[in-house]
Amino acid sequence: MKKIICQLSVSLDGYFEGPNRELDWHLFDDELKAFVIETLAAAEVLIMGGRNYELMAGYWPTAVDDDPIKGYMNGTPKLVFSRRLKEVRWENSRLATRPIEEEVAALRRAPGDGLLWVGASGLAAEFLDRSLLDELRVVFTPVLLGAGHSLLAGITRRHPLKLASTRPFGSGVIVATYVPAARG
């Protein structure tokens, strides 16, 4: 069965972005880039919220051509959940028209066994609250920001998780993979 995963970077004090939405603190060396490419290669659909879509659509179509991530970001189908956007124009993008549960059920029924990758904190919180997320990969970056936007701040209830694996990188980054405890 297809797995819905969310992979998000977070500072050690729990922020996925700084107070002014800055992301310049992320460590992204060759080793971590290879891991991201491995994950993107397994992704069948990238699931995004409207703000994340706008950021990505504003960058990846014109990113440098020798960046291997560019091909995955532009070529992989994208499903965008947004109450604000009326259309999406980035190649291989589609605006969700049905409720989250219906869209997810349709994705899971489609042929293939690739990952369905949720790439936004607010949307991941919604997926968690609706018991739709199969795996949460937290990329812990060795930095303390002191302020910012908390990872998964929009959740509305407790979510017990079980550690499934850890993967350390030479840069000090650690990827911890969790699954919902009830299903893990």
N, C-alpha and C. Protein backbone atom coordinates (compact mmCIF):
# COMPACT_ATOMS: atom_id res chain seq x y z
N MET A 1 0.84 -1.18 0.00
CA MET A 1 0.00 0.00 0.00
C MET A 1 0.89 1.25 0.00
N LYS A 2 0.44 2.26 -0.67
CA LYS A 2 1.18 3.52 -0.71
C LYS A 2 1.23 4.13 0.68
N LYS A 3 2.39 4.71 1.01
CA LYS A 3 2.55 5.37 2.30
C LYS A 3 2.51 6.88 2.09
N ILE A 4 1.84 7.56 3.00
CA ILE A 4 1.87 9.02 3.01
C ILE A 4 2.88 9.42 4.07
N ILE A 5 3.93 10.10 3.60
CA ILE A 5 4.98 10.54 4.51
C ILE A 5 5.04 12.06 4.53
N CYS A 6 5.59 12.57 5.60
CA CYS A 6 5.91 13.98 5.69
C CYS A 6 7.36 14.05 6.14
N GLN A 7 8.15 14.81 5.42
CA GLN A 7 9.56 14.99 5.78
C GLN A 7 9.80 16.48 5.92
N LEU A 8 10.09 16.91 7.15
CA LEU A 8 10.29 18.33 7.44
C LEU A 8 11.56 18.56 8.25
N SER A 9 12.26 19.62 7.92
CA SER A 9 13.42 20.01 8.71
C SER A 9 12.98 20.85 9.89
N VAL A 10 13.71 20.70 10.99
CA VAL A 10 13.37 21.43 12.21
C VAL A 10 14.65 21.76 12.97
N SER A 11 14.67 22.93 13.59
CA SER A 11 15.79 23.28 14.46
C SER A 11 15.67 22.48 15.75
N LEU A 12 16.74 22.42 16.51
CA LEU A 12 16.68 21.65 17.76
C LEU A 12 15.72 22.24 18.78
N ASP A 13 15.35 23.51 18.62
CA ASP A 13 14.35 24.08 19.51
C ASP A 13 12.95 24.07 18.90
N GLY A 14 12.76 23.26 17.84
CA GLY A 14 11.42 22.94 17.36
C GLY A 14 10.81 23.81 16.29
N TYR A 15 11.62 24.62 15.58
CA TYR A 15 11.06 25.51 14.55
C TYR A 15 11.39 24.99 13.15
N PHE A 16 10.39 25.03 12.26
CA PHE A 16 10.64 24.61 10.88
C PHE A 16 11.05 25.79 10.01
N GLU A 17 10.82 27.00 10.51
CA GLU A 17 11.30 28.21 9.85
C GLU A 17 11.47 29.29 10.91
N GLY A 18 12.33 30.27 10.59
CA GLY A 18 12.56 31.35 11.53
C GLY A 18 11.37 32.29 11.64
N PRO A 19 11.46 33.30 12.52
CA PRO A 19 10.33 34.20 12.76
C PRO A 19 9.90 34.99 11.53
N ASN A 20 10.83 35.21 10.59
CA ASN A 20 10.51 35.93 9.35
C ASN A 20 10.44 34.95 8.17
N ARG A 21 10.12 33.71 8.48
CA ARG A 21 9.99 32.62 7.51
C ARG A 21 11.31 32.24 6.85
N GLU A 22 12.44 32.62 7.46
CA GLU A 22 13.73 32.31 6.86
C GLU A 22 14.08 30.83 7.04
N LEU A 23 14.78 30.33 6.02
CA LEU A 23 15.20 28.93 5.99
C LEU A 23 16.71 28.81 5.79
N ASP A 24 17.42 29.92 5.93
CA ASP A 24 18.86 29.95 5.65
C ASP A 24 19.69 29.14 6.65
N TRP A 25 19.09 28.64 7.68
CA TRP A 25 19.80 27.86 8.70
C TRP A 25 19.87 26.37 8.36
N HIS A 26 19.14 25.94 7.32
CA HIS A 26 19.15 24.53 6.93
C HIS A 26 20.54 24.11 6.48
N LEU A 27 20.99 22.95 6.91
CA LEU A 27 22.22 22.37 6.41
C LEU A 27 21.85 21.46 5.25
N PHE A 28 22.46 21.68 4.12
CA PHE A 28 22.10 20.91 2.94
C PHE A 28 23.37 20.55 2.18
N ASP A 29 24.13 19.62 2.74
CA ASP A 29 25.37 19.19 2.10
C ASP A 29 25.08 18.07 1.10
N ASP A 30 26.12 17.55 0.47
CA ASP A 30 25.93 16.51 -0.55
C ASP A 30 25.29 15.26 0.00
N GLU A 31 25.63 14.88 1.23
CA GLU A 31 25.07 13.68 1.83
C GLU A 31 23.56 13.82 2.05
N LEU A 32 23.14 14.96 2.58
CA LEU A 32 21.70 15.18 2.81
C LEU A 32 20.97 15.35 1.47
N LYS A 33 21.62 16.00 0.52
CA LYS A 33 21.01 16.16 -0.81
C LYS A 33 20.74 14.78 -1.43
N ALA A 34 21.68 13.86 -1.29
CA ALA A 34 21.49 12.50 -1.83
C ALA A 34 20.29 11.83 -1.16
N PHE A 35 20.12 12.05 0.15
CA PHE A 35 18.97 11.49 0.86
C PHE A 35 17.66 12.08 0.34
N VAL A 36 17.63 13.38 0.12
CA VAL A 36 16.42 14.04 -0.40
C VAL A 36 16.11 13.51 -1.81
N ILE A 37 17.13 13.35 -2.63
CA ILE A 37 16.93 12.82 -3.98
C ILE A 37 16.38 11.40 -3.91
N GLU A 38 16.91 10.59 -2.99
CA GLU A 38 16.41 9.22 -2.80
C GLU A 38 14.92 9.23 -2.44
N THR A 39 14.53 10.15 -1.56
CA THR A 39 13.13 10.26 -1.16
C THR A 39 12.27 10.75 -2.32
N LEU A 40 12.74 11.76 -3.03
CA LEU A 40 11.98 12.29 -4.17
C LEU A 40 11.83 11.25 -5.27
N ALA A 41 12.87 10.44 -5.49
CA ALA A 41 12.79 9.40 -6.52
C ALA A 41 11.71 8.37 -6.20
N ALA A 42 11.45 8.16 -4.92
CA ALA A 42 10.40 7.21 -4.50
C ALA A 42 9.02 7.85 -4.45
N ALA A 43 8.96 9.18 -4.57
CA ALA A 43 7.68 9.88 -4.45
C ALA A 43 6.88 9.78 -5.73
N GLU A 44 5.64 9.41 -5.59
CA GLU A 44 4.72 9.32 -6.72
C GLU A 44 3.95 10.63 -6.89
N VAL A 45 3.64 11.28 -5.78
CA VAL A 45 2.92 12.55 -5.78
C VAL A 45 3.48 13.42 -4.65
N LEU A 46 3.67 14.69 -4.93
CA LEU A 46 4.04 15.66 -3.91
C LEU A 46 2.77 16.39 -3.49
N ILE A 47 2.46 16.37 -2.21
CA ILE A 47 1.24 16.99 -1.71
C ILE A 47 1.63 18.28 -1.00
N MET A 48 1.03 19.39 -1.40
CA MET A 48 1.42 20.70 -0.89
C MET A 48 0.23 21.53 -0.48
N GLY A 49 0.48 22.45 0.43
CA GLY A 49 -0.47 23.50 0.73
C GLY A 49 -0.22 24.66 -0.23
N GLY A 50 -1.12 25.63 -0.24
CA GLY A 50 -1.02 26.74 -1.18
C GLY A 50 0.23 27.57 -1.04
N ARG A 51 0.60 27.92 0.20
CA ARG A 51 1.80 28.76 0.39
C ARG A 51 3.06 28.02 -0.03
N ASN A 52 3.17 26.75 0.35
CA ASN A 52 4.33 25.95 -0.02
C ASN A 52 4.39 25.80 -1.55
N TYR A 53 3.24 25.59 -2.17
CA TYR A 53 3.17 25.49 -3.63
C TYR A 53 3.72 26.78 -4.27
N GLU A 54 3.27 27.92 -3.79
CA GLU A 54 3.72 29.19 -4.37
C GLU A 54 5.23 29.37 -4.23
N LEU A 55 5.78 29.00 -3.07
CA LEU A 55 7.23 29.11 -2.88
C LEU A 55 7.97 28.19 -3.85
N MET A 56 7.52 26.96 -3.93
CA MET A 56 8.20 25.98 -4.79
C MET A 56 8.02 26.32 -6.27
N ALA A 57 6.82 26.71 -6.66
CA ALA A 57 6.55 27.07 -8.06
C ALA A 57 7.31 28.32 -8.47
N GLY A 58 7.64 29.15 -7.50
CA GLY A 58 8.41 30.35 -7.78
C GLY A 58 9.90 30.09 -7.91
N TYR A 59 10.34 28.91 -7.48
CA TYR A 59 11.77 28.61 -7.50
C TYR A 59 12.15 27.52 -8.50
N TRP A 60 11.52 26.34 -8.42
CA TRP A 60 12.01 25.18 -9.16
C TRP A 60 11.94 25.28 -10.69
N PRO A 61 10.94 25.88 -11.28
CA PRO A 61 10.94 25.94 -12.75
C PRO A 61 12.14 26.68 -13.33
N THR A 62 12.72 27.61 -12.58
CA THR A 62 13.85 28.39 -13.09
C THR A 62 15.14 28.11 -12.32
N ALA A 63 15.17 27.07 -11.49
CA ALA A 63 16.38 26.72 -10.75
C ALA A 63 17.48 26.32 -11.72
N VAL A 64 18.73 26.35 -11.26
CA VAL A 64 19.85 25.99 -12.13
C VAL A 64 19.65 24.58 -12.68
N ASP A 65 19.99 24.41 -13.94
CA ASP A 65 19.71 23.15 -14.62
C ASP A 65 20.51 21.97 -14.10
N ASP A 66 21.66 22.20 -13.49
CA ASP A 66 22.46 21.07 -13.04
C ASP A 66 22.06 20.58 -11.64
N ASP A 67 21.04 21.18 -11.06
CA ASP A 67 20.56 20.71 -9.75
C ASP A 67 19.68 19.49 -9.99
N PRO A 68 20.11 18.29 -9.51
CA PRO A 68 19.33 17.08 -9.79
C PRO A 68 17.95 17.08 -9.13
N ILE A 69 17.74 17.90 -8.13
CA ILE A 69 16.43 17.97 -7.48
C ILE A 69 15.42 18.63 -8.41
N LYS A 70 15.87 19.52 -9.27
CA LYS A 70 14.98 20.26 -10.17
C LYS A 70 14.10 19.32 -11.00
N GLY A 71 14.67 18.28 -11.56
CA GLY A 71 13.91 17.35 -12.38
C GLY A 71 12.80 16.67 -11.61
N TYR A 72 13.08 16.28 -10.37
CA TYR A 72 12.06 15.63 -9.54
C TYR A 72 10.97 16.62 -9.16
N MET A 73 11.36 17.82 -8.76
CA MET A 73 10.37 18.80 -8.32
C MET A 73 9.46 19.22 -9.46
N ASN A 74 10.01 19.38 -10.65
CA ASN A 74 9.19 19.79 -11.79
C ASN A 74 8.44 18.62 -12.41
N GLY A 75 9.05 17.44 -12.42
CA GLY A 75 8.47 16.31 -13.11
C GLY A 75 7.47 15.48 -12.32
N THR A 76 7.57 15.51 -11.00
CA THR A 76 6.68 14.71 -10.16
C THR A 76 5.31 15.37 -10.08
N PRO A 77 4.23 14.59 -10.21
CA PRO A 77 2.89 15.17 -10.04
C PRO A 77 2.73 15.81 -8.67
N LYS A 78 2.00 16.92 -8.66
CA LYS A 78 1.78 17.68 -7.43
C LYS A 78 0.28 17.87 -7.21
N LEU A 79 -0.15 17.63 -5.99
CA LEU A 79 -1.54 17.86 -5.60
C LEU A 79 -1.53 18.98 -4.58
N VAL A 80 -2.25 20.05 -4.87
CA VAL A 80 -2.22 21.26 -4.05
C VAL A 80 -3.56 21.45 -3.34
N PHE A 81 -3.49 21.54 -2.00
CA PHE A 81 -4.67 21.85 -1.19
C PHE A 81 -4.61 23.32 -0.83
N SER A 82 -5.60 24.08 -1.24
CA SER A 82 -5.63 25.50 -0.92
C SER A 82 -7.06 26.02 -0.96
N ARG A 83 -7.40 26.79 0.04
CA ARG A 83 -8.70 27.47 0.02
C ARG A 83 -8.60 28.79 -0.73
N ARG A 84 -7.37 29.29 -0.87
CA ARG A 84 -7.13 30.60 -1.44
C ARG A 84 -6.86 30.57 -2.94
N LEU A 85 -6.06 29.60 -3.40
CA LEU A 85 -5.71 29.54 -4.81
C LEU A 85 -6.89 29.04 -5.65
N LYS A 86 -7.06 29.64 -6.79
CA LYS A 86 -8.13 29.24 -7.70
C LYS A 86 -7.59 28.40 -8.86
N GLU A 87 -6.28 28.47 -9.12
CA GLU A 87 -5.65 27.69 -10.16
C GLU A 87 -4.18 27.48 -9.83
N VAL A 88 -3.59 26.45 -10.44
CA VAL A 88 -2.16 26.17 -10.31
C VAL A 88 -1.61 25.98 -11.71
N ARG A 89 -0.44 26.56 -11.97
CA ARG A 89 0.11 26.53 -13.33
C ARG A 89 1.44 25.81 -13.44
N TRP A 90 2.06 25.49 -12.34
CA TRP A 90 3.34 24.79 -12.38
C TRP A 90 3.12 23.42 -13.02
N GLU A 91 4.02 23.01 -13.89
CA GLU A 91 3.82 21.74 -14.61
C GLU A 91 3.53 20.58 -13.67
N ASN A 92 2.67 19.70 -14.10
CA ASN A 92 2.27 18.51 -13.35
C ASN A 92 1.60 18.82 -12.02
N SER A 93 0.94 19.97 -11.92
CA SER A 93 0.24 20.35 -10.69
C SER A 93 -1.26 20.30 -10.91
N ARG A 94 -1.94 19.95 -9.83
CA ARG A 94 -3.40 19.90 -9.86
C ARG A 94 -3.93 20.41 -8.53
N LEU A 95 -4.94 21.24 -8.60
CA LEU A 95 -5.58 21.77 -7.40
C LEU A 95 -6.60 20.75 -6.90
N ALA A 96 -6.52 20.40 -5.62
CA ALA A 96 -7.47 19.45 -5.04
C ALA A 96 -8.86 20.07 -5.06
N THR A 97 -9.83 19.27 -5.48
CA THR A 97 -11.20 19.77 -5.56
C THR A 97 -12.12 19.03 -4.59
N ARG A 98 -11.64 17.95 -4.01
CA ARG A 98 -12.44 17.16 -3.07
C ARG A 98 -11.85 17.27 -1.67
N PRO A 99 -12.58 16.87 -0.66
CA PRO A 99 -12.03 16.86 0.70
C PRO A 99 -10.76 16.01 0.78
N ILE A 100 -9.92 16.31 1.75
CA ILE A 100 -8.63 15.62 1.91
C ILE A 100 -8.80 14.11 1.91
N GLU A 101 -9.74 13.60 2.69
CA GLU A 101 -9.91 12.14 2.78
C GLU A 101 -10.23 11.51 1.42
N GLU A 102 -11.04 12.17 0.62
CA GLU A 102 -11.40 11.64 -0.69
C GLU A 102 -10.21 11.69 -1.65
N GLU A 103 -9.47 12.79 -1.62
CA GLU A 103 -8.28 12.91 -2.48
C GLU A 103 -7.25 11.84 -2.11
N VAL A 104 -7.04 11.64 -0.82
CA VAL A 104 -6.06 10.65 -0.36
C VAL A 104 -6.51 9.25 -0.74
N ALA A 105 -7.78 8.94 -0.57
CA ALA A 105 -8.29 7.62 -0.95
C ALA A 105 -8.06 7.37 -2.44
N ALA A 106 -8.29 8.37 -3.27
CA ALA A 106 -8.08 8.22 -4.71
C ALA A 106 -6.60 8.01 -5.03
N LEU A 107 -5.73 8.73 -4.34
CA LEU A 107 -4.28 8.55 -4.56
C LEU A 107 -3.85 7.15 -4.16
N ARG A 108 -4.37 6.67 -3.05
CA ARG A 108 -3.98 5.33 -2.57
C ARG A 108 -4.48 4.24 -3.51
N ARG A 109 -5.62 4.46 -4.16
CA ARG A 109 -6.19 3.46 -5.09
C ARG A 109 -5.49 3.45 -6.44
N ALA A 110 -4.84 4.54 -6.81
CA ALA A 110 -4.20 4.64 -8.13
C ALA A 110 -3.08 3.60 -8.25
N PRO A 111 -2.81 3.13 -9.46
CA PRO A 111 -1.73 2.16 -9.65
C PRO A 111 -0.39 2.70 -9.16
N GLY A 112 0.49 1.80 -8.78
CA GLY A 112 1.82 2.18 -8.32
C GLY A 112 1.97 2.00 -6.83
N ASP A 113 3.22 2.05 -6.38
CA ASP A 113 3.48 1.86 -4.95
C ASP A 113 4.41 2.93 -4.39
N GLY A 114 4.48 4.06 -5.06
CA GLY A 114 5.36 5.14 -4.61
C GLY A 114 4.83 5.84 -3.38
N LEU A 115 5.69 6.67 -2.81
CA LEU A 115 5.32 7.47 -1.65
C LEU A 115 4.46 8.65 -2.05
N LEU A 116 3.62 9.08 -1.14
CA LEU A 116 2.86 10.31 -1.29
C LEU A 116 3.45 11.26 -0.26
N TRP A 117 4.17 12.27 -0.72
CA TRP A 117 5.00 13.10 0.14
C TRP A 117 4.31 14.42 0.46
N VAL A 118 3.99 14.61 1.74
CA VAL A 118 3.42 15.87 2.22
C VAL A 118 4.58 16.77 2.62
N GLY A 119 4.65 17.94 2.01
CA GLY A 119 5.81 18.79 2.23
C GLY A 119 5.52 20.12 2.87
N ALA A 120 4.55 20.19 3.75
CA ALA A 120 4.25 21.47 4.40
C ALA A 120 3.76 21.20 5.82
N SER A 121 4.22 22.00 6.75
CA SER A 121 3.92 21.79 8.17
C SER A 121 2.42 21.86 8.48
N GLY A 122 1.74 22.90 8.01
CA GLY A 122 0.31 23.05 8.29
C GLY A 122 -0.51 21.92 7.70
N LEU A 123 -0.20 21.54 6.50
CA LEU A 123 -0.92 20.45 5.85
C LEU A 123 -0.61 19.12 6.54
N ALA A 124 0.64 18.93 6.96
CA ALA A 124 1.00 17.70 7.68
C ALA A 124 0.22 17.61 8.99
N ALA A 125 0.04 18.73 9.67
CA ALA A 125 -0.74 18.73 10.91
C ALA A 125 -2.17 18.29 10.63
N GLU A 126 -2.73 18.76 9.52
CA GLU A 126 -4.08 18.36 9.15
C GLU A 126 -4.15 16.86 8.82
N PHE A 127 -3.15 16.37 8.11
CA PHE A 127 -3.09 14.94 7.80
C PHE A 127 -2.98 14.12 9.08
N LEU A 128 -2.17 14.58 10.03
CA LEU A 128 -2.05 13.88 11.32
C LEU A 128 -3.39 13.84 12.04
N ASP A 129 -4.03 14.98 12.15
CA ASP A 129 -5.31 15.05 12.87
C ASP A 129 -6.39 14.18 12.23
N ARG A 130 -6.28 13.94 10.94
CA ARG A 130 -7.26 13.10 10.23
C ARG A 130 -6.79 11.65 10.11
N SER A 131 -5.70 11.32 10.82
CA SER A 131 -5.11 9.95 10.81
C SER A 131 -4.77 9.48 9.41
N LEU A 132 -4.25 10.38 8.58
CA LEU A 132 -3.89 10.04 7.21
C LEU A 132 -2.39 9.90 6.99
N LEU A 133 -1.58 10.32 7.95
CA LEU A 133 -0.13 10.29 7.80
C LEU A 133 0.41 8.96 8.31
N ASP A 134 1.18 8.28 7.46
CA ASP A 134 1.74 6.98 7.83
C ASP A 134 3.12 7.09 8.45
N GLU A 135 3.83 8.16 8.10
CA GLU A 135 5.20 8.28 8.55
C GLU A 135 5.58 9.76 8.64
N LEU A 136 6.26 10.13 9.70
CA LEU A 136 6.75 11.49 9.90
C LEU A 136 8.26 11.42 10.00
N ARG A 137 8.95 12.04 9.05
CA ARG A 137 10.42 12.09 9.06
C ARG A 137 10.83 13.49 9.49
N VAL A 138 11.44 13.58 10.64
CA VAL A 138 11.88 14.87 11.15
C VAL A 138 13.39 14.97 10.94
N VAL A 139 13.79 15.98 10.19
CA VAL A 139 15.20 16.23 9.89
C VAL A 139 15.69 17.25 10.91
N PHE A 140 16.33 16.76 11.98
CA PHE A 140 16.82 17.64 13.04
C PHE A 140 18.13 18.29 12.60
N THR A 141 18.12 19.61 12.56
CA THR A 141 19.30 20.38 12.16
C THR A 141 19.94 20.96 13.42
N PRO A 142 21.26 20.78 13.59
CA PRO A 142 21.91 21.23 14.82
C PRO A 142 22.08 22.75 14.89
N VAL A 143 20.96 23.42 15.14
CA VAL A 143 20.95 24.87 15.32
C VAL A 143 19.79 25.21 16.25
N LEU A 144 19.97 26.24 17.03
CA LEU A 144 18.90 26.78 17.88
C LEU A 144 18.53 28.14 17.34
N LEU A 145 17.27 28.34 17.03
CA LEU A 145 16.82 29.60 16.43
C LEU A 145 16.32 30.60 17.46
N GLY A 146 15.78 30.13 18.55
CA GLY A 146 15.27 31.03 19.59
C GLY A 146 13.87 31.54 19.34
N ALA A 147 13.43 31.52 18.10
CA ALA A 147 12.08 31.96 17.75
C ALA A 147 11.78 31.46 16.34
N GLY A 148 10.51 31.44 16.02
CA GLY A 148 10.12 31.01 14.68
C GLY A 148 8.74 30.38 14.70
N HIS A 149 8.50 29.56 13.70
CA HIS A 149 7.21 28.88 13.56
C HIS A 149 7.41 27.42 13.92
N SER A 150 6.64 26.95 14.89
CA SER A 150 6.79 25.61 15.42
C SER A 150 6.37 24.54 14.43
N LEU A 151 7.09 23.44 14.47
CA LEU A 151 6.77 22.29 13.65
C LEU A 151 5.41 21.75 14.04
N LEU A 152 4.53 21.57 13.10
CA LEU A 152 3.20 20.98 13.30
C LEU A 152 2.38 21.71 14.35
N ALA A 153 2.50 23.02 14.39
CA ALA A 153 1.79 23.83 15.38
C ALA A 153 0.27 23.74 15.27
N GLY A 154 -0.24 23.32 14.13
CA GLY A 154 -1.69 23.30 13.93
C GLY A 154 -2.40 22.05 14.42
N ILE A 155 -1.67 21.08 15.01
CA ILE A 155 -2.37 19.87 15.45
C ILE A 155 -3.35 20.22 16.56
N THR A 156 -4.43 19.46 16.62
CA THR A 156 -5.50 19.78 17.57
C THR A 156 -5.64 18.75 18.68
N ARG A 157 -4.80 17.70 18.62
CA ARG A 157 -4.88 16.69 19.67
C ARG A 157 -3.53 15.99 19.80
N ARG A 158 -3.40 15.17 20.79
CA ARG A 158 -2.17 14.42 21.03
C ARG A 158 -2.02 13.31 20.00
N HIS A 159 -0.79 13.08 19.57
CA HIS A 159 -0.48 12.04 18.59
C HIS A 159 0.70 11.22 19.10
N PRO A 160 0.46 10.11 19.79
CA PRO A 160 1.58 9.26 20.22
C PRO A 160 2.28 8.68 19.00
N LEU A 161 3.60 8.76 19.00
CA LEU A 161 4.40 8.27 17.87
C LEU A 161 5.38 7.22 18.36
N LYS A 162 5.79 6.37 17.45
CA LYS A 162 6.78 5.35 17.75
C LYS A 162 7.98 5.58 16.83
N LEU A 163 9.18 5.59 17.40
CA LEU A 163 10.38 5.77 16.59
C LEU A 163 10.60 4.52 15.74
N ALA A 164 10.68 4.72 14.43
CA ALA A 164 10.88 3.60 13.51
C ALA A 164 12.35 3.46 13.12
N SER A 165 13.05 4.60 12.97
CA SER A 165 14.46 4.55 12.60
C SER A 165 15.11 5.92 12.81
N THR A 166 16.42 5.91 12.84
CA THR A 166 17.20 7.15 12.85
C THR A 166 18.32 7.01 11.83
N ARG A 167 18.71 8.14 11.29
CA ARG A 167 19.81 8.14 10.33
C ARG A 167 20.64 9.40 10.55
N PRO A 168 21.85 9.24 11.10
CA PRO A 168 22.71 10.41 11.31
C PRO A 168 23.52 10.74 10.05
N PHE A 169 23.83 12.00 9.90
CA PHE A 169 24.65 12.47 8.78
C PHE A 169 25.89 13.14 9.34
N GLY A 170 26.94 13.19 8.54
CA GLY A 170 28.21 13.77 8.96
C GLY A 170 28.12 15.22 9.41
N SER A 171 27.15 15.94 8.90
CA SER A 171 26.97 17.36 9.24
C SER A 171 26.39 17.57 10.63
N GLY A 172 25.95 16.48 11.27
CA GLY A 172 25.27 16.59 12.56
C GLY A 172 23.76 16.52 12.44
N VAL A 173 23.26 16.53 11.21
CA VAL A 173 21.83 16.37 10.97
C VAL A 173 21.45 14.93 11.30
N ILE A 174 20.28 14.76 11.90
CA ILE A 174 19.74 13.43 12.19
C ILE A 174 18.32 13.37 11.64
N VAL A 175 18.03 12.33 10.87
CA VAL A 175 16.67 12.11 10.39
C VAL A 175 16.06 11.04 11.29
N ALA A 176 15.01 11.41 11.99
CA ALA A 176 14.27 10.48 12.85
C ALA A 176 12.93 10.20 12.18
N THR A 177 12.65 8.93 11.97
CA THR A 177 11.40 8.53 11.33
C THR A 177 10.47 7.95 12.37
N TYR A 178 9.26 8.51 12.43
CA TYR A 178 8.24 8.10 13.39
C TYR A 178 7.01 7.59 12.65
N VAL A 179 6.32 6.68 13.27
CA VAL A 179 5.02 6.22 12.77
C VAL A 179 4.01 6.40 13.90
N PRO A 180 2.75 6.57 13.55
CA PRO A 180 1.73 6.67 14.61
C PRO A 180 1.78 5.41 15.48
N ALA A 181 1.81 5.58 16.79
CA ALA A 181 1.96 4.45 17.72
C ALA A 181 0.83 3.44 17.57
N ALA A 182 -0.38 3.91 17.31
CA ALA A 182 -1.53 3.01 17.18
C ALA A 182 -1.38 2.09 15.97
N ARG A 183 -0.68 2.57 14.93
CA ARG A 183 -0.51 1.77 13.72
C ARG A 183 0.89 1.17 13.63
N GLY A 184 1.86 1.67 14.45
CA GLY A 184 3.24 1.24 14.35
C GLY A 184 3.49 -0.02 15.06
